[in-house]
C-alpha atoms as a PDB file:
ATOM      1  CA  MET A   1     -13.655  10.969  11.910  1.00  0.00           C
ATOM      2  CA  GLU A   2     -14.530   7.283  12.559  1.00  0.00           C
ATOM      3  CA  GLU A   3     -17.262   7.334  10.792  1.00  0.00           C
ATOM      4  CA  ALA A   4     -15.607   8.799   7.509  1.00  0.00           C
ATOM      5  CA  LYS A   5     -12.631   5.848   7.827  1.00  0.00           C
ATOM      6  CA  GLY A   6     -15.487   3.167   8.319  1.00  0.00           C
ATOM      7  CA  HIS A   7     -17.166   4.544   5.018  1.00  0.00           C
ATOM      8  CA  LEU A   8     -14.024   4.877   3.303  1.00  0.00           C
ATOM      9  CA  LYS A   9     -13.389   0.960   4.041  1.00  0.00           C
ATOM     10  CA  GLU A  10     -16.841  -0.317   3.030  1.00  0.00           C
ATOM     11  CA  HIS A  11     -17.380   1.798   0.251  1.00  0.00           C
ATOM     12  CA  GLY A  12     -14.567   3.011  -1.245  1.00  0.00           C
ATOM     13  CA  TRP A  13     -14.949   6.539  -0.768  1.00  0.00           C
ATOM     14  CA  VAL A  14     -15.487   9.339   1.536  1.00  0.00           C
ATOM     15  CA  LYS A  15     -15.919  12.991   1.433  1.00  0.00           C
ATOM     16  CA  ILE A  16     -14.312  15.535   3.975  1.00  0.00           C
ATOM     17  CA  PRO A  17     -16.391  18.687   3.620  1.00  0.00           C
ATOM     18  CA  SER A  18     -14.172  22.156   4.164  1.00  0.00           C
ATOM     19  CA  VAL A  19     -10.974  20.658   4.599  1.00  0.00           C
ATOM     20  CA  LEU A  20      -9.286  23.713   2.922  1.00  0.00           C
ATOM     21  CA  THR A  21     -11.366  27.261   3.225  1.00  0.00           C
ATOM     22  CA  LYS A  22     -12.524  28.962   0.042  1.00  0.00           C
ATOM     23  CA  ASP A  23      -9.734  31.548   0.077  1.00  0.00           C
ATOM     24  CA  GLU A  24      -7.323  28.890   0.515  1.00  0.00           C
ATOM     25  CA  ALA A  25      -8.972  27.190  -2.246  1.00  0.00           C
ATOM     26  CA  ALA A  26      -8.923  29.948  -4.464  1.00  0.00           C
ATOM     27  CA  HIS A  27      -5.142  30.469  -3.611  1.00  0.00           C
ATOM     28  CA  ALA A  28      -3.981  27.001  -4.248  1.00  0.00           C
ATOM     29  CA  LEU A  29      -5.637  27.692  -7.512  1.00  0.00           C
ATOM     30  CA  ASP A  30      -3.829  30.735  -8.679  1.00  0.00           C
ATOM     31  CA  ARG A  31      -0.813  28.839  -7.413  1.00  0.00           C
ATOM     32  CA  LEU A  32      -1.624  25.643  -9.775  1.00  0.00           C
ATOM     33  CA  TRP A  33      -2.095  27.810 -12.922  1.00  0.00           C
ATOM     34  CA  LYS A  34       1.679  29.557 -12.035  1.00  0.00           C
ATOM     35  CA  ALA A  35       2.457  25.876 -11.543  1.00  0.00           C
ATOM     36  CA  LYS A  36       1.182  25.050 -15.065  1.00  0.00           C
ATOM     37  CA  GLU A  37       3.159  27.826 -16.573  1.00  0.00           C
ATOM     38  CA  THR A  38       6.622  26.827 -14.507  1.00  0.00           C
ATOM     39  CA  SER A  39       5.950  23.289 -15.864  1.00  0.00           C
ATOM     40  CA  GLU A  40       5.396  24.548 -19.672  1.00  0.00           C
ATOM     41  CA  ALA A  41       8.597  26.501 -19.510  1.00  0.00           C
ATOM     42  CA  SER A  42      11.085  23.506 -18.295  1.00  0.00           C
ATOM     43  CA  GLY A  43       9.565  21.306 -21.240  1.00  0.00           C
ATOM     44  CA  GLU A  44       6.799  19.429 -19.630  1.00  0.00           C
ATOM     45  CA  GLN A  45       3.710  18.727 -21.487  1.00  0.00           C
ATOM     46  CA  THR A  46      -0.026  19.599 -19.732  1.00  0.00           C
ATOM     47  CA  PHE A  47      -1.825  17.543 -22.765  1.00  0.00           C
ATOM     48  CA  GLN A  48      -1.523  13.760 -22.509  1.00  0.00           C
ATOM     49  CA  PRO A  49      -3.320  12.327 -25.279  1.00  0.00           C
ATOM     50  CA  ILE A  50      -2.701   8.665 -23.183  1.00  0.00           C
ATOM     51  CA  LEU A  51      -4.786   9.779 -20.597  1.00  0.00           C
ATOM     52  CA  ASP A  52      -7.024  12.690 -22.139  1.00  0.00           C
ATOM     53  CA  PRO A  53      -8.848  13.107 -25.641  1.00  0.00           C
ATOM     54  CA  ASP A  54      -8.528  16.699 -26.094  1.00  0.00           C
ATOM     55  CA  ALA A  55      -6.532  19.323 -25.031  1.00  0.00           C
ATOM     56  CA  SER A  56      -9.004  20.854 -22.573  1.00  0.00           C
ATOM     57  CA  ASN A  57      -8.017  18.478 -20.301  1.00  0.00           C
ATOM     58  CA  VAL A  58      -5.169  20.062 -18.616  1.00  0.00           C
ATOM     59  CA  ARG A  59      -2.829  17.678 -16.683  1.00  0.00           C
ATOM     60  CA  VAL A  60      -0.091  19.450 -14.166  1.00  0.00           C
ATOM     61  CA  PHE A  61       2.179  16.965 -12.855  1.00  0.00           C
ATOM     62  CA  TYR A  62       5.080  16.684 -10.305  1.00  0.00           C
ATOM     63  CA  LEU A  63       3.224  18.900  -7.909  1.00  0.00           C
ATOM     64  CA  PRO A  64       5.606  18.612  -5.106  1.00  0.00           C
ATOM     65  CA  GLU A  65       8.632  19.875  -7.211  1.00  0.00           C
ATOM     66  CA  LEU A  66       6.954  23.138  -8.280  1.00  0.00           C
ATOM     67  CA  ASP A  67       5.339  24.831  -5.153  1.00  0.00           C
ATOM     68  CA  GLN A  68       5.823  24.588  -1.161  1.00  0.00           C
ATOM     69  CA  LEU A  69       2.255  24.708  -0.523  1.00  0.00           C
ATOM     70  CA  PHE A  70       1.631  21.597  -2.590  1.00  0.00           C
ATOM     71  CA  ARG A  71       4.304  19.799  -0.563  1.00  0.00           C
ATOM     72  CA  GLY A  72       2.486  20.725   2.235  1.00  0.00           C
ATOM     73  CA  MET A  73      -0.829  19.692   1.121  1.00  0.00           C
ATOM     74  CA  LEU A  74       1.286  15.907   0.931  1.00  0.00           C
ATOM     75  CA  THR A  75       1.549  15.888   4.859  1.00  0.00           C
ATOM     76  CA  HIS A  76      -2.047  17.436   5.764  1.00  0.00           C
ATOM     77  CA  PRO A  77      -3.078  16.099   8.900  1.00  0.00           C
ATOM     78  CA  THR A  78      -6.608  14.964   7.499  1.00  0.00           C
ATOM     79  CA  GLY A  79      -5.792  13.144   4.101  1.00  0.00           C
ATOM     80  CA  ILE A  80      -2.698  11.032   6.499  1.00  0.00           C
ATOM     81  CA  GLU A  81      -5.208  10.067   8.765  1.00  0.00           C
ATOM     82  CA  LEU A  82      -7.552   8.581   6.467  1.00  0.00           C
ATOM     83  CA  THR A  83      -4.904   7.333   4.297  1.00  0.00           C
ATOM     84  CA  LYS A  84      -3.439   5.591   7.454  1.00  0.00           C
ATOM     85  CA  SER A  85      -7.063   3.818   8.321  1.00  0.00           C
ATOM     86  CA  VAL A  86      -6.545   1.763   5.448  1.00  0.00           C
ATOM     87  CA  LEU A  87      -2.923   1.374   4.010  1.00  0.00           C
ATOM     88  CA  GLY A  88      -1.199   1.478   7.613  1.00  0.00           C
ATOM     89  CA  GLU A  89       1.537   3.460   9.089  1.00  0.00           C
ATOM     90  CA  ARG A  90       3.696   2.981   6.673  1.00  0.00           C
ATOM     91  CA  PHE A  91       3.134   4.076   2.543  1.00  0.00           C
ATOM     92  CA  LEU A  92       4.622   6.736   0.089  1.00  0.00           C
ATOM     93  CA  VAL A  93       3.583   9.418  -2.356  1.00  0.00           C
ATOM     94  CA  SER A  94       3.533   7.716  -5.592  1.00  0.00           C
ATOM     95  CA  ASN A  95       2.458  10.646  -7.776  1.00  0.00           C
ATOM     96  CA  PHE A  96       0.831  13.946  -7.174  1.00  0.00           C
ATOM     97  CA  SER A  97      -0.657  15.905 -10.136  1.00  0.00           C
ATOM     98  CA  ALA A  98      -3.393  17.927 -10.981  1.00  0.00           C
ATOM     99  CA  ASN A  99      -6.586  17.560 -13.692  1.00  0.00           C
ATOM    100  CA  ILE A 100      -8.079  20.703 -14.873  1.00  0.00           C
ATOM    101  CA  ALA A 101     -10.945  19.977 -16.774  1.00  0.00           C
ATOM    102  CA  ARG A 102     -12.250  23.227 -18.922  1.00  0.00           C
ATOM    103  CA  PRO A 103     -15.398  23.444 -20.974  1.00  0.00           C
ATOM    104  CA  GLY A 104     -15.454  21.077 -23.705  1.00  0.00           C
ATOM    105  CA  SER A 105     -13.233  18.478 -21.840  1.00  0.00           C
ATOM    106  CA  LYS A 106     -14.455  14.730 -22.699  1.00  0.00           C
ATOM    107  CA  SER A 107     -13.647  11.412 -20.243  1.00  0.00           C
ATOM    108  CA  MET A 108     -10.704   9.701 -19.843  1.00  0.00           C
ATOM    109  CA  ALA A 109     -10.558   5.521 -19.746  1.00  0.00           C
ATOM    110  CA  LEU A 110     -12.853   4.051 -17.416  1.00  0.00           C
ATOM    111  CA  HIS A 111      -9.853   2.510 -14.555  1.00  0.00           C
ATOM    112  CA  SER A 112      -9.451   1.717 -10.996  1.00  0.00           C
ATOM    113  CA  ASP A 113      -6.060   3.050 -10.091  1.00  0.00           C
ATOM    114  CA  GLN A 114      -4.800  -0.292  -9.103  1.00  0.00           C
ATOM    115  CA  SER A 115      -5.990  -1.897 -12.286  1.00  0.00           C
ATOM    116  CA  ILE A 116      -3.554   0.167 -14.564  1.00  0.00           C
ATOM    117  CA  VAL A 117      -0.517  -0.472 -12.500  1.00  0.00           C
ATOM    118  CA  LEU A 118      -0.787  -4.223 -10.749  1.00  0.00           C
ATOM    119  CA  PRO A 119      -2.014  -6.933 -12.164  1.00  0.00           C
ATOM    120  CA  GLU A 120      -5.301  -8.919 -11.214  1.00  0.00           C
ATOM    121  CA  PRO A 121      -6.875  -9.726  -8.442  1.00  0.00           C
ATOM    122  CA  TRP A 122      -6.843  -6.713  -6.805  1.00  0.00           C
ATOM    123  CA  LEU A 123      -7.751  -8.345  -3.133  1.00  0.00           C
ATOM    124  CA  ASP A 124      -6.838  -5.650  -0.739  1.00  0.00           C
ATOM    125  CA  ILE A 125      -6.532  -2.068  -0.846  1.00  0.00           C
ATOM    126  CA  TRP A 126      -2.661  -0.923  -1.859  1.00  0.00           C
ATOM    127  CA  ALA A 127      -3.391   2.498  -2.748  1.00  0.00           C
ATOM    128  CA  VAL A 128      -5.333   5.733  -2.018  1.00  0.00           C
ATOM    129  CA  ASN A 129      -6.091   8.937  -4.102  1.00  0.00           C
ATOM    130  CA  VAL A 130      -7.248  12.241  -1.975  1.00  0.00           C
ATOM    131  CA  ILE A 131      -8.612  14.750  -4.415  1.00  0.00           C
ATOM    132  CA  TRP A 132      -7.983  18.122  -3.344  1.00  0.00           C
ATOM    133  CA  CYS A 133     -11.158  20.252  -4.744  1.00  0.00           C
ATOM    134  CA  LEU A 134     -10.235  23.905  -5.838  1.00  0.00           C
ATOM    135  CA  THR A 135     -13.450  24.452  -7.272  1.00  0.00           C
ATOM    136  CA  ARG A 136     -16.637  23.119  -6.614  1.00  0.00           C
ATOM    137  CA  MET A 137     -16.923  19.659  -8.651  1.00  0.00           C
ATOM    138  CA  THR A 138     -20.492  18.913 -10.160  1.00  0.00           C
ATOM    139  CA  LYS A 139     -21.634  16.740 -12.888  1.00  0.00           C
ATOM    140  CA  GLU A 140     -21.854  19.297 -15.517  1.00  0.00           C
ATOM    141  CA  ASN A 141     -18.240  20.623 -15.150  1.00  0.00           C
ATOM    142  CA  GLY A 142     -16.670  17.408 -15.583  1.00  0.00           C
ATOM    143  CA  ALA A 143     -16.725  15.741 -11.612  1.00  0.00           C
ATOM    144  CA  THR A 144     -15.183  12.513 -11.388  1.00  0.00           C
ATOM    145  CA  LEU A 145     -17.679   9.866 -12.151  1.00  0.00           C
ATOM    146  CA  TYR A 146     -17.343   6.449 -10.100  1.00  0.00           C
ATOM    147  CA  ILE A 147     -19.469   3.112  -9.989  1.00  0.00           C
ATOM    148  CA  PRO A 148     -20.712   2.551  -6.506  1.00  0.00           C
ATOM    149  CA  GLY A 149     -19.539  -1.089  -5.050  1.00  0.00           C
ATOM    150  CA  SER A 150     -16.870  -1.331  -7.423  1.00  0.00           C
ATOM    151  CA  ASN A 151     -14.198  -1.244  -5.033  1.00  0.00           C
ATOM    152  CA  LYS A 152     -15.339  -4.691  -4.154  1.00  0.00           C
ATOM    153  CA  TRP A 153     -14.395  -5.940  -7.698  1.00  0.00           C
ATOM    154  CA  THR A 154     -11.021  -8.035  -8.188  1.00  0.00           C
ATOM    155  CA  CYS A 155     -10.312  -8.729 -11.635  1.00  0.00           C
ATOM    156  CA  TRP A 156     -11.209  -7.304 -15.352  1.00  0.00           C
ATOM    157  CA  LYS A 157     -14.083  -9.688 -15.951  1.00  0.00           C
ATOM    158  CA  ASP A 158     -15.899  -7.927 -13.217  1.00  0.00           C
ATOM    159  CA  VAL A 159     -16.346  -4.858 -15.230  1.00  0.00           C
ATOM    160  CA  PRO A 160     -19.478  -5.146 -16.387  1.00  0.00           C
ATOM    161  CA  ALA A 161     -20.125  -4.373 -19.957  1.00  0.00           C
ATOM    162  CA  ASN A 162     -23.084  -1.372 -19.053  1.00  0.00           C
ATOM    163  CA  ALA A 163     -20.154   0.315 -16.503  1.00  0.00           C
ATOM    164  CA  PRO A 164     -21.174   3.447 -18.049  1.00  0.00           C
ATOM    165  CA  GLU A 165     -24.702   3.201 -17.117  1.00  0.00           C
ATOM    166  CA  LEU A 166     -23.636   2.773 -13.349  1.00  0.00           C
ATOM    167  CA  LEU A 167     -21.514   6.099 -13.379  1.00  0.00           C
ATOM    168  CA  VAL A 168     -22.843   8.912 -10.941  1.00  0.00           C
ATOM    169  CA  PRO A 169     -20.522  11.710  -9.900  1.00  0.00           C
ATOM    170  CA  PHE A 170     -18.736  12.880  -6.776  1.00  0.00           C
ATOM    171  CA  GLU A 171     -20.285  16.427  -6.151  1.00  0.00           C
ATOM    172  CA  ALA A 172     -18.592  18.948  -4.373  1.00  0.00           C
ATOM    173  CA  GLU A 173     -17.455  22.032  -2.970  1.00  0.00           C
ATOM    174  CA  ALA A 174     -13.925  23.988  -3.356  1.00  0.00           C
ATOM    175  CA  GLY A 175     -11.967  23.466  -0.050  1.00  0.00           C
ATOM    176  CA  ASP A 176     -13.481  19.480   0.161  1.00  0.00           C
ATOM    177  CA  ILE A 177     -11.571  16.592  -0.660  1.00  0.00           C
ATOM    178  CA  VAL A 178     -12.537  12.949  -2.035  1.00  0.00           C
ATOM    179  CA  ILE A 179     -10.330  10.136  -0.865  1.00  0.00           C
ATOM    180  CA  LEU A 180     -10.516   6.649  -2.973  1.00  0.00           C
ATOM    181  CA  ASP A 181      -9.622   3.521  -2.234  1.00  0.00           C
ATOM    182  CA  GLY A 182      -7.372   2.396  -5.629  1.00  0.00           C
ATOM    183  CA  ARG A 183      -9.777  -0.350  -6.275  1.00  0.00           C
ATOM    184  CA  LEU A 184     -12.836   2.051  -7.182  1.00  0.00           C
ATOM    185  CA  TRP A 185     -13.450   2.216 -10.430  1.00  0.00           C
ATOM    186  CA  HIS A 186     -14.114   5.838 -12.035  1.00  0.00           C
ATOM    187  CA  THR A 187     -13.468   8.360 -14.632  1.00  0.00           C
ATOM    188  CA  SER A 188     -13.387  12.141 -15.054  1.00  0.00           C
ATOM    189  CA  GLY A 189     -16.563  13.364 -16.147  1.00  0.00           C
ATOM    190  CA  SER A 190     -17.182  15.569 -19.477  1.00  0.00           C
ATOM    191  CA  ASN A 191     -17.245  19.454 -18.825  1.00  0.00           C
ATOM    192  CA  ILE A 192     -20.256  20.947 -20.514  1.00  0.00           C
ATOM    193  CA  THR A 193     -20.271  24.410 -19.208  1.00  0.00           C
ATOM    194  CA  LYS A 194     -19.573  27.242 -21.417  1.00  0.00           C
ATOM    195  CA  ASP A 195     -17.193  29.331 -19.235  1.00  0.00           C
ATOM    196  CA  GLU A 196     -16.585  27.037 -15.743  1.00  0.00           C
ATOM    197  CA  ASP A 197     -13.449  25.107 -14.695  1.00  0.00           C
ATOM    198  CA  ARG A 198     -12.640  21.645 -12.485  1.00  0.00           C
ATOM    199  CA  ALA A 199     -10.047  21.819 -10.959  1.00  0.00           C
ATOM    200  CA  ILE A 200      -8.597  19.140  -9.167  1.00  0.00           C
ATOM    201  CA  LEU A 201      -5.194  17.582  -7.115  1.00  0.00           C
ATOM    202  CA  PHE A 202      -4.655  13.876  -7.106  1.00  0.00           C
ATOM    203  CA  ALA A 203      -2.305  13.055  -4.167  1.00  0.00           C
ATOM    204  CA  TYR A 204      -1.478   9.277  -5.077  1.00  0.00           C
ATOM    205  CA  TYR A 205      -0.353   7.421  -1.960  1.00  0.00           C
ATOM    206  CA  SER A 206       0.856   3.691  -1.982  1.00  0.00           C
ATOM    207  CA  ALA A 207       1.571   0.655  -0.316  1.00  0.00           C
ATOM    208  CA  PRO A 208       5.310   0.872   0.422  1.00  0.00           C
ATOM    209  CA  TYR A 209       6.302  -2.120  -1.719  1.00  0.00           C
ATOM    210  CA  MET A 210       4.839  -0.865  -4.619  1.00  0.00           C
ATOM    211  CA  ARG A 211       6.919   0.889  -7.098  1.00  0.00           C
ATOM    212  CA  GLN A 212       6.190   4.764  -6.824  1.00  0.00           C
ATOM    213  CA  LEU A 213       4.859   6.000 -10.358  1.00  0.00           C
ATOM    214  CA  VAL A 214       7.256   9.003  -9.817  1.00  0.00           C
ATOM    215  CA  ASN A 215      11.044   8.169  -8.966  1.00  0.00           C
ATOM    216  CA  TRP A 216      11.084  11.099  -6.593  1.00  0.00           C
ATOM    217  CA  THR A 217      14.896  10.912  -6.293  1.00  0.00           C
ATOM    218  CA  ALA A 218      15.928  11.631  -9.637  1.00  0.00           C
ATOM    219  CA  LYS A 219      13.004  14.044 -10.298  1.00  0.00           C
ATOM    220  CA  LEU A 220      13.206  16.800  -7.373  1.00  0.00           C
ATOM    221  CA  PRO A 221      16.335  18.983  -7.606  1.00  0.00           C
ATOM    222  CA  LYS A 222      19.039  18.002  -4.784  1.00  0.00           C
ATOM    223  CA  ASP A 223      19.050  21.077  -3.052  1.00  0.00           C
ATOM    224  CA  LEU A 224      15.081  21.041  -2.832  1.00  0.00           C
ATOM    225  CA  GLN A 225      15.068  17.693  -1.461  1.00  0.00           C
ATOM    226  CA  GLU A 226      17.801  18.935   1.287  1.00  0.00           C
ATOM    227  CA  THR A 227      14.808  21.299   2.519  1.00  0.00           C
ATOM    228  CA  LEU A 228      12.519  18.744   2.923  1.00  0.00           C
ATOM    229  CA  SER A 229      10.871  17.804   6.527  1.00  0.00           C
ATOM    230  CA  PRO A 230      12.072  13.969   7.197  1.00  0.00           C
ATOM    231  CA  GLU A 231       8.336  13.213   7.349  1.00  0.00           C
ATOM    232  CA  LEU A 232       8.115  14.235   4.047  1.00  0.00           C
ATOM    233  CA  LYS A 233      11.313  12.678   2.456  1.00  0.00           C
ATOM    234  CA  GLU A 234      10.094   9.116   3.775  1.00  0.00           C
ATOM    235  CA  LEU A 235       6.739   9.904   2.183  1.00  0.00           C
ATOM    236  CA  LEU A 236       8.539  10.528  -1.131  1.00  0.00           C
ATOM    237  CA  GLY A 237      10.495   7.583  -0.663  1.00  0.00           C
ATOM    238  CA  LEU A 238      14.163   9.574  -0.433  1.00  0.00           C
ATOM    239  CA  SER A 239      15.345   7.863   3.018  1.00  0.00           C
ATOM    240  CA  HIS A 240      18.264   5.765   2.605  1.00  0.00           C
ATOM    241  CA  ILE A 241      16.239   2.760   3.781  1.00  0.00           C
ATOM    242  CA  GLY A 242      13.967   1.423   0.897  1.00  0.00           C
ATOM    243  CA  TYR A 243      12.988  -1.592   2.796  1.00  0.00           C
ATOM    244  CA  VAL A 244       9.912  -2.505   4.803  1.00  0.00           C
ATOM    245  CA  VAL A 245       9.525  -5.303   7.333  1.00  0.00           C
ATOM    246  CA  TYR A 246       6.171  -7.471   7.819  1.00  0.00           C
ATOM    247  CA  GLY A 247       5.703 -10.829   9.468  1.00  0.00           C
ATOM    248  CA  ASP A 248       7.263 -12.430  12.573  1.00  0.00           C
ATOM    249  CA  LEU A 249      10.886 -11.786  12.124  1.00  0.00           C
ATOM    250  CA  ARG A 250      11.916 -13.809  15.933  1.00  0.00           C
ATOM    251  CA  TYR A 251      14.992 -14.979  16.026  1.00  0.00           C
ATOM    252  CA  MET A 252      15.210 -19.124  15.103  1.00  0.00           C
ATOM    253  CA  ALA A 253      15.750 -19.991  19.030  1.00  0.00           C
ATOM    254  CA  ASP A 254      12.739 -17.495  20.085  1.00  0.00           C
ATOM    255  CA  LYS A 255      10.418 -18.795  17.923  1.00  0.00           C
ATOM    256  CA  TYR A 256      11.151 -22.490  17.818  1.00  0.00           C
ATOM    257  CA  PRO A 257      12.685 -23.217  21.279  1.00  0.00           C
ATOM    258  CA  GLN A 258      14.519 -26.672  21.204  1.00  0.00           C
ATOM    259  CA  LYS A 259      12.424 -29.123  23.098  1.00  0.00           C
ATOM    260  CA  PRO A 260      13.663 -31.467  25.491  1.00  0.00           C
ATOM    261  CA  ASP A 261      14.357 -35.211  24.640  1.00  0.00           C
ATOM    262  CA  ASP A 262      11.885 -37.855  25.109  1.00  0.00           C
ATOM    263  CA  GLY A 263      13.810 -38.938  27.742  1.00  0.00           C
ATOM    264  CA  GLU A 264      13.621 -36.301  29.729  1.00  0.00           C
ATOM    265  CA  SER A 265      10.131 -35.373  28.912  1.00  0.00           C
ATOM    266  CA  ALA A 266       9.088 -38.976  30.356  1.00  0.00           C
ATOM    267  CA  GLY A 267      11.365 -38.693  33.396  1.00  0.00           C
ATOM    268  CA  GLY A 268      13.599 -41.453  32.291  1.00  0.00           C
ATOM    269  CA  THR A 269      10.624 -43.976  32.213  1.00  0.00           C
END
């Protein structure tokens, strides 16, 4: 795991194989399709033109509301440990959603997760995306495409004009997870297969001083909130304490102890 943490910090991504078994991934995929139906029945749209150019990209938002299985994934020890390695001990679940790239789906915009929610410069890692692969992810079926080394870019002008030529796919098997530094530039790939879906989940964690993409207090039903574990309540920002303390908060008298006056320090001479 230490090698994986080092790779994440240096390269802005790391793949961890077989976090779920193939059967577990297949079961999660089945639950995702049911969650899509539930979401649509409640009035949520699963095609978002602001994100995707066509309805072959299926988006399912607010997964913690829809199934206990997804709530459990948010606290999976592997994802949590790797997230802590770059964000520290305290962080929040900003969003948890799914993208199913069906045959014929096209790419969304090139972006980094921090670039679309924070002004430049992006000087540190303030967000992490844990991608859960429920199917295999290949270049042909719409694998996430990324630009190696782009986690070092700090502003929009760093993005080169030939960025599309630099993109390479994350290829993974069902059950793998891929963790992304929030500064890594990426996009969804085009699914050019005839009959193969690419289904992935995005568990998006952010530093505790960043506003979450979803207001979980408003979104999650109160009766559901009451059933959540203390860990999940804190991750979702449902605790009544919202501030995070950093820095040196020693009392003035402790940090700046009163010095003896010049006469005393000189022995009265």
